[in-house]
N, C-alpha and C. Protein backbone atom coordinates (compact mmCIF):
# COMPACT_ATOMS: atom_id res chain seq x y z
N MET A 1 -10.82 60.14 -33.40
CA MET A 1 -9.94 59.13 -32.87
C MET A 1 -8.63 59.16 -33.66
N SER A 2 -7.54 59.14 -32.95
CA SER A 2 -6.24 59.23 -33.59
C SER A 2 -5.64 57.84 -33.77
N TRP A 3 -4.56 57.81 -34.54
CA TRP A 3 -3.90 56.53 -34.82
C TRP A 3 -3.30 55.92 -33.54
N SER A 4 -2.84 56.74 -32.68
CA SER A 4 -2.26 56.22 -31.44
C SER A 4 -3.33 55.58 -30.57
N ASP A 5 -4.53 56.16 -30.55
CA ASP A 5 -5.62 55.56 -29.78
C ASP A 5 -6.05 54.22 -30.41
N LEU A 6 -6.08 54.19 -31.72
CA LEU A 6 -6.45 52.96 -32.41
C LEU A 6 -5.44 51.85 -32.15
N THR A 7 -4.14 52.19 -32.15
CA THR A 7 -3.13 51.17 -31.88
C THR A 7 -3.20 50.70 -30.43
N LYS A 8 -3.55 51.59 -29.50
CA LYS A 8 -3.71 51.19 -28.11
C LYS A 8 -4.87 50.20 -27.96
N VAL A 9 -5.97 50.46 -28.62
CA VAL A 9 -7.15 49.58 -28.55
C VAL A 9 -6.82 48.23 -29.18
N LEU A 10 -6.20 48.24 -30.36
CA LEU A 10 -5.83 46.98 -31.01
C LEU A 10 -4.80 46.22 -30.19
N GLY A 11 -3.84 46.92 -29.59
CA GLY A 11 -2.85 46.27 -28.73
C GLY A 11 -3.52 45.64 -27.51
N GLY A 12 -4.45 46.33 -26.90
CA GLY A 12 -5.17 45.79 -25.74
C GLY A 12 -5.98 44.56 -26.11
N VAL A 13 -6.64 44.60 -27.27
CA VAL A 13 -7.42 43.45 -27.73
C VAL A 13 -6.50 42.26 -28.00
N LEU A 14 -5.36 42.50 -28.65
CA LEU A 14 -4.41 41.42 -28.92
C LEU A 14 -3.85 40.84 -27.63
N ILE A 15 -3.54 41.69 -26.64
CA ILE A 15 -3.04 41.18 -25.36
C ILE A 15 -4.12 40.36 -24.66
N ALA A 16 -5.35 40.81 -24.70
CA ALA A 16 -6.46 40.08 -24.07
C ALA A 16 -6.64 38.72 -24.74
N ILE A 17 -6.57 38.67 -26.07
CA ILE A 17 -6.71 37.40 -26.79
C ILE A 17 -5.54 36.48 -26.44
N ALA A 18 -4.33 37.02 -26.37
CA ALA A 18 -3.15 36.21 -26.02
C ALA A 18 -3.29 35.65 -24.61
N LEU A 19 -3.77 36.45 -23.66
CA LEU A 19 -3.98 35.98 -22.29
C LEU A 19 -5.05 34.88 -22.24
N LEU A 20 -6.12 35.04 -22.97
CA LEU A 20 -7.17 34.02 -23.01
C LEU A 20 -6.65 32.71 -23.61
N ILE A 21 -5.92 32.79 -24.71
CA ILE A 21 -5.38 31.59 -25.34
C ILE A 21 -4.35 30.93 -24.43
N GLY A 22 -3.45 31.70 -23.84
CA GLY A 22 -2.44 31.15 -22.94
C GLY A 22 -3.08 30.50 -21.71
N GLY A 23 -4.05 31.18 -21.11
CA GLY A 23 -4.73 30.61 -19.94
C GLY A 23 -5.49 29.34 -20.28
N SER A 24 -6.13 29.33 -21.43
CA SER A 24 -6.85 28.12 -21.86
C SER A 24 -5.89 26.97 -22.09
N PHE A 25 -4.73 27.26 -22.70
CA PHE A 25 -3.74 26.23 -22.95
C PHE A 25 -3.22 25.64 -21.63
N LEU A 26 -2.90 26.51 -20.67
CA LEU A 26 -2.41 26.03 -19.38
C LEU A 26 -3.49 25.23 -18.63
N ALA A 27 -4.74 25.67 -18.68
CA ALA A 27 -5.82 24.93 -18.03
C ALA A 27 -6.01 23.57 -18.68
N ALA A 28 -5.92 23.52 -20.00
CA ALA A 28 -6.06 22.23 -20.69
C ALA A 28 -4.90 21.30 -20.33
N GLN A 29 -3.68 21.83 -20.25
CA GLN A 29 -2.54 21.01 -19.86
C GLN A 29 -2.71 20.45 -18.44
N TYR A 30 -3.21 21.25 -17.53
CA TYR A 30 -3.43 20.81 -16.15
C TYR A 30 -4.48 19.70 -16.10
N LEU A 31 -5.58 19.88 -16.81
CA LEU A 31 -6.64 18.87 -16.81
C LEU A 31 -6.18 17.57 -17.46
N ILE A 32 -5.45 17.67 -18.54
CA ILE A 32 -4.94 16.47 -19.20
C ILE A 32 -3.99 15.72 -18.27
N ALA A 33 -3.13 16.45 -17.56
CA ALA A 33 -2.21 15.80 -16.62
C ALA A 33 -2.97 15.11 -15.49
N GLN A 34 -4.05 15.70 -15.01
CA GLN A 34 -4.83 15.11 -13.93
C GLN A 34 -5.57 13.85 -14.38
N PHE A 35 -6.10 13.86 -15.59
CA PHE A 35 -6.88 12.72 -16.07
C PHE A 35 -6.03 11.58 -16.61
N THR A 36 -4.79 11.85 -16.96
CA THR A 36 -3.95 10.77 -17.48
C THR A 36 -3.00 10.20 -16.44
N ALA A 37 -2.98 10.74 -15.24
CA ALA A 37 -2.12 10.21 -14.18
C ALA A 37 -2.65 8.86 -13.72
N LEU A 38 -1.73 7.92 -13.45
CA LEU A 38 -2.13 6.60 -12.98
C LEU A 38 -2.64 6.70 -11.55
N PRO A 39 -3.65 5.89 -11.19
CA PRO A 39 -4.13 5.91 -9.82
C PRO A 39 -3.08 5.31 -8.89
N PRO A 40 -3.19 5.58 -7.61
CA PRO A 40 -2.20 4.99 -6.69
C PRO A 40 -2.35 3.48 -6.65
N LYS A 41 -1.23 2.80 -6.42
CA LYS A 41 -1.23 1.34 -6.36
C LYS A 41 -2.04 0.89 -5.15
N PRO A 42 -2.96 -0.04 -5.33
CA PRO A 42 -3.73 -0.52 -4.18
C PRO A 42 -2.83 -1.30 -3.23
N ILE A 43 -3.13 -1.20 -1.95
CA ILE A 43 -2.37 -1.92 -0.94
C ILE A 43 -3.25 -3.02 -0.39
N PHE A 44 -2.78 -4.26 -0.51
CA PHE A 44 -3.51 -5.41 -0.03
C PHE A 44 -2.93 -5.83 1.32
N PRO A 45 -3.70 -6.57 2.12
CA PRO A 45 -3.19 -6.97 3.44
C PRO A 45 -1.88 -7.74 3.38
N ASN A 46 -1.68 -8.52 2.34
CA ASN A 46 -0.45 -9.29 2.27
C ASN A 46 0.72 -8.48 1.71
N ASP A 47 0.52 -7.18 1.42
CA ASP A 47 1.60 -6.33 0.94
C ASP A 47 2.37 -5.67 2.08
N SER A 48 1.84 -5.73 3.30
CA SER A 48 2.50 -5.06 4.41
C SER A 48 3.81 -5.74 4.74
N PRO A 49 4.79 -4.99 5.25
CA PRO A 49 6.09 -5.60 5.56
C PRO A 49 5.96 -6.71 6.60
N GLY A 50 5.04 -6.59 7.55
CA GLY A 50 4.86 -7.63 8.55
C GLY A 50 4.37 -8.93 7.93
N ALA A 51 3.46 -8.84 6.96
CA ALA A 51 2.94 -10.05 6.32
C ALA A 51 4.02 -10.72 5.49
N LYS A 52 4.85 -9.91 4.82
CA LYS A 52 5.92 -10.48 4.01
C LYS A 52 6.93 -11.20 4.90
N ALA A 53 7.24 -10.61 6.08
CA ALA A 53 8.18 -11.25 7.01
C ALA A 53 7.58 -12.54 7.56
N ARG A 54 6.27 -12.54 7.84
CA ARG A 54 5.62 -13.76 8.33
C ARG A 54 5.66 -14.85 7.28
N LEU A 55 5.45 -14.48 6.00
CA LEU A 55 5.50 -15.47 4.94
C LEU A 55 6.90 -16.08 4.83
N GLN A 56 7.92 -15.22 4.91
CA GLN A 56 9.28 -15.72 4.79
C GLN A 56 9.65 -16.57 5.99
N SER A 57 9.23 -16.18 7.20
CA SER A 57 9.57 -16.98 8.38
C SER A 57 8.79 -18.29 8.38
N ALA A 58 7.55 -18.26 7.88
CA ALA A 58 6.77 -19.50 7.80
C ALA A 58 7.39 -20.45 6.79
N ALA A 59 7.92 -19.91 5.69
CA ALA A 59 8.56 -20.76 4.69
C ALA A 59 9.86 -21.33 5.25
N ALA A 60 10.55 -20.55 6.08
CA ALA A 60 11.81 -21.03 6.63
C ALA A 60 11.59 -22.09 7.71
N THR A 61 10.47 -21.97 8.46
CA THR A 61 10.21 -22.92 9.54
C THR A 61 9.21 -23.98 9.16
N LYS A 62 8.87 -24.05 7.89
CA LYS A 62 7.89 -25.04 7.43
C LYS A 62 8.44 -26.45 7.65
N PRO A 63 7.67 -27.31 8.32
CA PRO A 63 8.19 -28.66 8.56
C PRO A 63 8.34 -29.42 7.24
N VAL A 64 9.42 -30.12 7.14
CA VAL A 64 9.71 -30.88 5.94
C VAL A 64 9.40 -32.34 6.22
N ALA A 65 8.62 -32.94 5.34
CA ALA A 65 8.29 -34.35 5.51
C ALA A 65 9.44 -35.19 4.97
N ILE A 66 10.02 -35.99 5.85
CA ILE A 66 11.13 -36.85 5.45
C ILE A 66 10.63 -38.28 5.51
N SER A 67 10.75 -38.96 4.39
CA SER A 67 10.32 -40.36 4.37
C SER A 67 11.41 -41.22 4.99
N PRO A 68 11.02 -42.18 5.78
CA PRO A 68 12.03 -43.02 6.42
C PRO A 68 12.78 -43.84 5.38
N SER A 69 14.06 -44.06 5.65
CA SER A 69 14.85 -44.85 4.72
C SER A 69 14.44 -46.31 4.84
N PRO A 70 14.42 -47.02 3.75
CA PRO A 70 13.97 -48.41 3.80
C PRO A 70 14.93 -49.26 4.63
N GLN A 71 14.35 -50.09 5.47
CA GLN A 71 15.13 -50.99 6.30
C GLN A 71 15.29 -52.32 5.55
N PRO A 72 16.47 -52.90 5.59
CA PRO A 72 16.64 -54.20 4.93
C PRO A 72 15.79 -55.24 5.65
N SER A 73 15.08 -56.00 4.88
CA SER A 73 14.22 -57.02 5.49
C SER A 73 14.86 -58.39 5.29
N ALA A 74 14.62 -59.23 6.29
CA ALA A 74 15.19 -60.58 6.24
C ALA A 74 14.33 -61.48 5.38
N SER A 75 13.05 -61.13 5.26
CA SER A 75 12.18 -62.02 4.49
C SER A 75 12.12 -61.56 3.04
N VAL A 76 11.97 -62.48 2.15
CA VAL A 76 11.86 -62.20 0.73
C VAL A 76 10.38 -62.22 0.39
N PRO A 77 9.87 -61.16 -0.29
CA PRO A 77 8.45 -61.15 -0.62
C PRO A 77 8.11 -62.27 -1.60
N SER A 78 6.89 -62.74 -1.45
CA SER A 78 6.44 -63.82 -2.33
C SER A 78 6.23 -63.25 -3.73
N PRO A 79 6.33 -64.10 -4.77
CA PRO A 79 6.21 -63.61 -6.15
C PRO A 79 4.85 -63.00 -6.46
N GLY A 80 3.79 -63.41 -5.81
CA GLY A 80 2.45 -62.88 -6.12
C GLY A 80 2.12 -61.62 -5.35
N ALA A 81 2.93 -61.23 -4.36
CA ALA A 81 2.63 -60.05 -3.54
C ALA A 81 2.94 -58.78 -4.32
N SER A 82 2.04 -57.81 -4.19
CA SER A 82 2.27 -56.54 -4.88
C SER A 82 2.95 -55.59 -3.91
N PRO A 83 3.87 -54.79 -4.39
CA PRO A 83 4.56 -53.85 -3.50
C PRO A 83 3.60 -52.75 -3.07
N THR A 84 3.79 -52.24 -1.87
CA THR A 84 2.94 -51.15 -1.40
C THR A 84 3.46 -49.86 -1.99
N PRO A 85 2.56 -49.06 -2.57
CA PRO A 85 3.02 -47.82 -3.20
C PRO A 85 3.44 -46.81 -2.13
N SER A 86 4.52 -46.11 -2.40
CA SER A 86 4.94 -45.06 -1.47
C SER A 86 4.19 -43.78 -1.82
N PRO A 87 3.88 -42.95 -0.82
CA PRO A 87 3.12 -41.72 -1.12
C PRO A 87 3.96 -40.75 -1.94
N LYS A 88 3.28 -40.00 -2.81
CA LYS A 88 3.96 -38.99 -3.60
C LYS A 88 4.41 -37.88 -2.67
N PRO A 89 5.54 -37.23 -2.95
CA PRO A 89 5.99 -36.15 -2.08
C PRO A 89 4.97 -35.03 -1.97
N SER A 90 4.20 -34.76 -3.05
CA SER A 90 3.24 -33.67 -2.99
C SER A 90 2.07 -34.01 -2.08
N ASP A 91 1.83 -35.31 -1.79
CA ASP A 91 0.75 -35.65 -0.89
C ASP A 91 1.11 -35.31 0.55
N ALA A 92 2.38 -35.42 0.90
CA ALA A 92 2.79 -35.18 2.28
C ALA A 92 2.93 -33.68 2.56
N ALA A 93 3.30 -32.89 1.57
CA ALA A 93 3.52 -31.47 1.78
C ALA A 93 2.23 -30.69 1.55
N GLY A 94 2.21 -29.45 2.03
CA GLY A 94 1.10 -28.55 1.76
C GLY A 94 0.15 -28.42 2.93
N TYR A 95 -0.85 -27.58 2.74
CA TYR A 95 -1.85 -27.35 3.76
C TYR A 95 -3.19 -27.06 3.10
N ARG A 96 -4.25 -27.27 3.85
CA ARG A 96 -5.60 -27.02 3.33
C ARG A 96 -5.90 -25.53 3.40
N ALA A 97 -6.63 -25.05 2.40
CA ALA A 97 -6.97 -23.63 2.34
C ALA A 97 -8.28 -23.49 1.57
N ARG A 98 -8.75 -22.25 1.47
CA ARG A 98 -9.92 -21.94 0.66
C ARG A 98 -9.67 -20.65 -0.10
N ILE A 99 -10.41 -20.44 -1.19
CA ILE A 99 -10.27 -19.26 -2.04
C ILE A 99 -11.11 -18.13 -1.45
N THR A 100 -10.53 -16.93 -1.33
CA THR A 100 -11.25 -15.81 -0.72
C THR A 100 -11.72 -14.76 -1.73
N LEU A 101 -11.21 -14.76 -2.95
CA LEU A 101 -11.59 -13.76 -3.94
C LEU A 101 -13.00 -14.03 -4.44
N SER A 102 -13.85 -13.01 -4.43
CA SER A 102 -15.26 -13.22 -4.76
C SER A 102 -15.47 -13.69 -6.21
N GLN A 103 -14.60 -13.31 -7.14
CA GLN A 103 -14.74 -13.73 -8.53
C GLN A 103 -14.14 -15.10 -8.78
N GLY A 104 -13.41 -15.65 -7.82
CA GLY A 104 -12.70 -16.90 -8.05
C GLY A 104 -11.36 -16.60 -8.71
N LEU A 105 -10.63 -17.65 -9.04
CA LEU A 105 -9.30 -17.48 -9.62
C LEU A 105 -9.13 -18.34 -10.86
N ASN A 106 -8.23 -17.90 -11.75
CA ASN A 106 -7.83 -18.70 -12.90
C ASN A 106 -6.78 -19.71 -12.46
N LEU A 107 -6.92 -20.93 -12.92
CA LEU A 107 -5.94 -21.97 -12.64
C LEU A 107 -5.03 -22.06 -13.87
N ARG A 108 -3.72 -21.86 -13.67
CA ARG A 108 -2.78 -21.81 -14.79
C ARG A 108 -1.80 -22.96 -14.70
N GLU A 109 -1.19 -23.31 -15.86
CA GLU A 109 -0.30 -24.46 -15.90
C GLU A 109 1.10 -24.15 -15.38
N SER A 110 1.48 -22.86 -15.29
CA SER A 110 2.77 -22.47 -14.71
C SER A 110 2.58 -21.13 -14.01
N PRO A 111 3.53 -20.75 -13.14
CA PRO A 111 3.36 -19.51 -12.37
C PRO A 111 3.67 -18.26 -13.18
N SER A 112 2.76 -17.93 -14.09
CA SER A 112 2.94 -16.75 -14.92
C SER A 112 1.57 -16.30 -15.42
N ARG A 113 1.42 -14.99 -15.57
CA ARG A 113 0.17 -14.47 -16.10
C ARG A 113 -0.03 -14.86 -17.56
N ASP A 114 1.08 -15.11 -18.25
CA ASP A 114 1.03 -15.48 -19.65
C ASP A 114 0.82 -16.97 -19.87
N ALA A 115 0.83 -17.76 -18.79
CA ALA A 115 0.68 -19.21 -18.91
C ALA A 115 -0.76 -19.55 -19.33
N ALA A 116 -0.91 -20.70 -19.95
CA ALA A 116 -2.22 -21.13 -20.41
C ALA A 116 -3.14 -21.40 -19.23
N ARG A 117 -4.39 -21.01 -19.39
CA ARG A 117 -5.40 -21.24 -18.36
C ARG A 117 -5.88 -22.68 -18.49
N VAL A 118 -5.82 -23.44 -17.40
CA VAL A 118 -6.24 -24.84 -17.44
C VAL A 118 -7.53 -25.07 -16.68
N GLY A 119 -8.08 -24.03 -16.08
CA GLY A 119 -9.34 -24.17 -15.36
C GLY A 119 -9.57 -22.95 -14.49
N GLY A 120 -10.52 -23.11 -13.58
CA GLY A 120 -10.86 -22.03 -12.67
C GLY A 120 -11.22 -22.58 -11.31
N VAL A 121 -11.17 -21.71 -10.32
CA VAL A 121 -11.48 -22.09 -8.95
C VAL A 121 -12.50 -21.09 -8.42
N ASP A 122 -13.63 -21.58 -7.91
CA ASP A 122 -14.67 -20.71 -7.37
C ASP A 122 -14.33 -20.25 -5.97
N ARG A 123 -15.03 -19.21 -5.52
CA ARG A 123 -14.85 -18.70 -4.17
C ARG A 123 -15.25 -19.78 -3.16
N ASN A 124 -14.54 -19.84 -2.06
CA ASN A 124 -14.76 -20.79 -0.96
C ASN A 124 -14.50 -22.24 -1.36
N SER A 125 -13.85 -22.47 -2.50
CA SER A 125 -13.50 -23.84 -2.88
C SER A 125 -12.42 -24.35 -1.95
N SER A 126 -12.51 -25.63 -1.57
CA SER A 126 -11.48 -26.25 -0.74
C SER A 126 -10.33 -26.69 -1.62
N ILE A 127 -9.13 -26.29 -1.23
CA ILE A 127 -7.93 -26.61 -2.00
C ILE A 127 -6.82 -27.06 -1.05
N THR A 128 -5.78 -27.61 -1.65
CA THR A 128 -4.56 -27.90 -0.92
C THR A 128 -3.45 -27.09 -1.56
N VAL A 129 -2.79 -26.25 -0.78
CA VAL A 129 -1.66 -25.47 -1.28
C VAL A 129 -0.43 -26.36 -1.21
N LEU A 130 0.15 -26.66 -2.36
CA LEU A 130 1.28 -27.59 -2.44
C LEU A 130 2.62 -26.89 -2.30
N GLU A 131 2.77 -25.71 -2.92
CA GLU A 131 4.04 -24.99 -2.84
C GLU A 131 3.81 -23.55 -3.27
N GLU A 132 4.82 -22.72 -3.01
CA GLU A 132 4.82 -21.33 -3.44
C GLU A 132 5.99 -21.10 -4.37
N SER A 133 5.82 -20.15 -5.28
CA SER A 133 6.93 -19.78 -6.15
C SER A 133 8.00 -19.09 -5.32
N PRO A 134 9.25 -19.05 -5.79
CA PRO A 134 10.33 -18.42 -5.01
C PRO A 134 10.06 -16.95 -4.66
N ASP A 135 9.32 -16.24 -5.52
CA ASP A 135 9.04 -14.84 -5.24
C ASP A 135 7.75 -14.64 -4.44
N HIS A 136 7.10 -15.72 -4.02
CA HIS A 136 5.88 -15.71 -3.21
C HIS A 136 4.71 -15.01 -3.92
N GLN A 137 4.72 -14.96 -5.26
CA GLN A 137 3.65 -14.34 -6.02
C GLN A 137 2.62 -15.35 -6.51
N TRP A 138 2.99 -16.63 -6.54
CA TRP A 138 2.12 -17.68 -7.06
C TRP A 138 2.12 -18.87 -6.11
N GLN A 139 1.00 -19.62 -6.13
CA GLN A 139 0.89 -20.83 -5.32
C GLN A 139 0.42 -21.98 -6.21
N ARG A 140 1.05 -23.15 -6.06
CA ARG A 140 0.59 -24.34 -6.77
C ARG A 140 -0.41 -25.03 -5.86
N ILE A 141 -1.60 -25.29 -6.40
CA ILE A 141 -2.68 -25.85 -5.59
C ILE A 141 -3.24 -27.10 -6.23
N ARG A 142 -3.99 -27.86 -5.44
CA ARG A 142 -4.74 -29.02 -5.94
C ARG A 142 -6.19 -28.83 -5.45
N LEU A 143 -7.13 -28.94 -6.40
CA LEU A 143 -8.54 -28.85 -6.05
C LEU A 143 -8.96 -30.14 -5.34
N GLU A 144 -9.63 -30.01 -4.21
CA GLU A 144 -10.04 -31.20 -3.49
C GLU A 144 -11.20 -31.91 -4.19
N SER A 145 -12.00 -31.15 -4.94
CA SER A 145 -13.16 -31.76 -5.60
C SER A 145 -12.76 -32.63 -6.79
N SER A 146 -11.77 -32.19 -7.58
CA SER A 146 -11.42 -32.92 -8.79
C SER A 146 -9.99 -33.45 -8.79
N GLY A 147 -9.15 -32.98 -7.89
CA GLY A 147 -7.75 -33.40 -7.88
C GLY A 147 -6.91 -32.68 -8.91
N GLN A 148 -7.48 -31.73 -9.65
CA GLN A 148 -6.74 -30.99 -10.67
C GLN A 148 -5.72 -30.08 -9.99
N GLU A 149 -4.53 -29.97 -10.57
CA GLU A 149 -3.48 -29.13 -10.02
C GLU A 149 -3.16 -28.00 -10.98
N GLY A 150 -2.71 -26.87 -10.42
CA GLY A 150 -2.32 -25.73 -11.22
C GLY A 150 -1.83 -24.61 -10.32
N TRP A 151 -1.54 -23.48 -10.94
CA TRP A 151 -1.00 -22.33 -10.23
C TRP A 151 -2.03 -21.22 -10.17
N VAL A 152 -2.12 -20.54 -9.02
CA VAL A 152 -3.00 -19.38 -8.84
C VAL A 152 -2.18 -18.24 -8.26
N LYS A 153 -2.67 -17.03 -8.44
CA LYS A 153 -2.01 -15.85 -7.88
C LYS A 153 -2.10 -15.91 -6.36
N ALA A 154 -0.99 -15.68 -5.68
CA ALA A 154 -0.95 -15.74 -4.22
C ALA A 154 -1.70 -14.55 -3.61
N GLY A 155 -2.12 -14.71 -2.38
CA GLY A 155 -2.79 -13.63 -1.67
C GLY A 155 -4.29 -13.77 -1.64
N TYR A 156 -4.83 -14.72 -2.36
CA TYR A 156 -6.27 -14.90 -2.41
C TYR A 156 -6.69 -16.24 -1.81
N THR A 157 -5.82 -16.82 -1.00
CA THR A 157 -6.15 -18.06 -0.31
C THR A 157 -6.07 -17.81 1.18
N GLU A 158 -6.84 -18.58 1.92
CA GLU A 158 -6.84 -18.46 3.38
C GLU A 158 -6.68 -19.85 3.96
N ARG A 159 -5.71 -20.01 4.84
CA ARG A 159 -5.44 -21.30 5.46
C ARG A 159 -6.63 -21.73 6.30
N VAL A 160 -6.99 -23.02 6.21
CA VAL A 160 -8.10 -23.57 6.96
C VAL A 160 -7.52 -24.43 8.07
N ASN A 161 -7.98 -24.22 9.31
CA ASN A 161 -7.51 -25.05 10.41
C ASN A 161 -8.08 -26.44 10.26
N GLN A 162 -7.22 -27.43 10.44
CA GLN A 162 -7.66 -28.82 10.26
C GLN A 162 -8.08 -29.43 11.55
């Protein structure tokens, strides 16, 4: 065996090792990229453009409860008579709904994920939706069972026909 044959064999072995290392590196890079990629964003029924337009049109055409202006009365109330309380604005507004998420929802003190949790709402609980946040991501609700109020993530309530 001559020196030229020996260098050819060693060169071939080195090229084979380089190809194996390079191929392994590229395969590892491909697998790492596949396993670290974020999954696609889930699409919920209320994410569709039609649902968003319906929410905005419903908010625009939502009937506003206007309390009648007080009429001047000719009679003076007696000193022992108690005044009749006027209803709170939040009692007149809103609609009945129920919770649809199987795990239930966290009840928060303000419309933020970072807000303190003040309670929870079980699935199929009867609630009154009082208002929505300007970005339609949160709803302020009142529990019918306890009267407790708080904010929940929008999209997990279903309007109940009265």
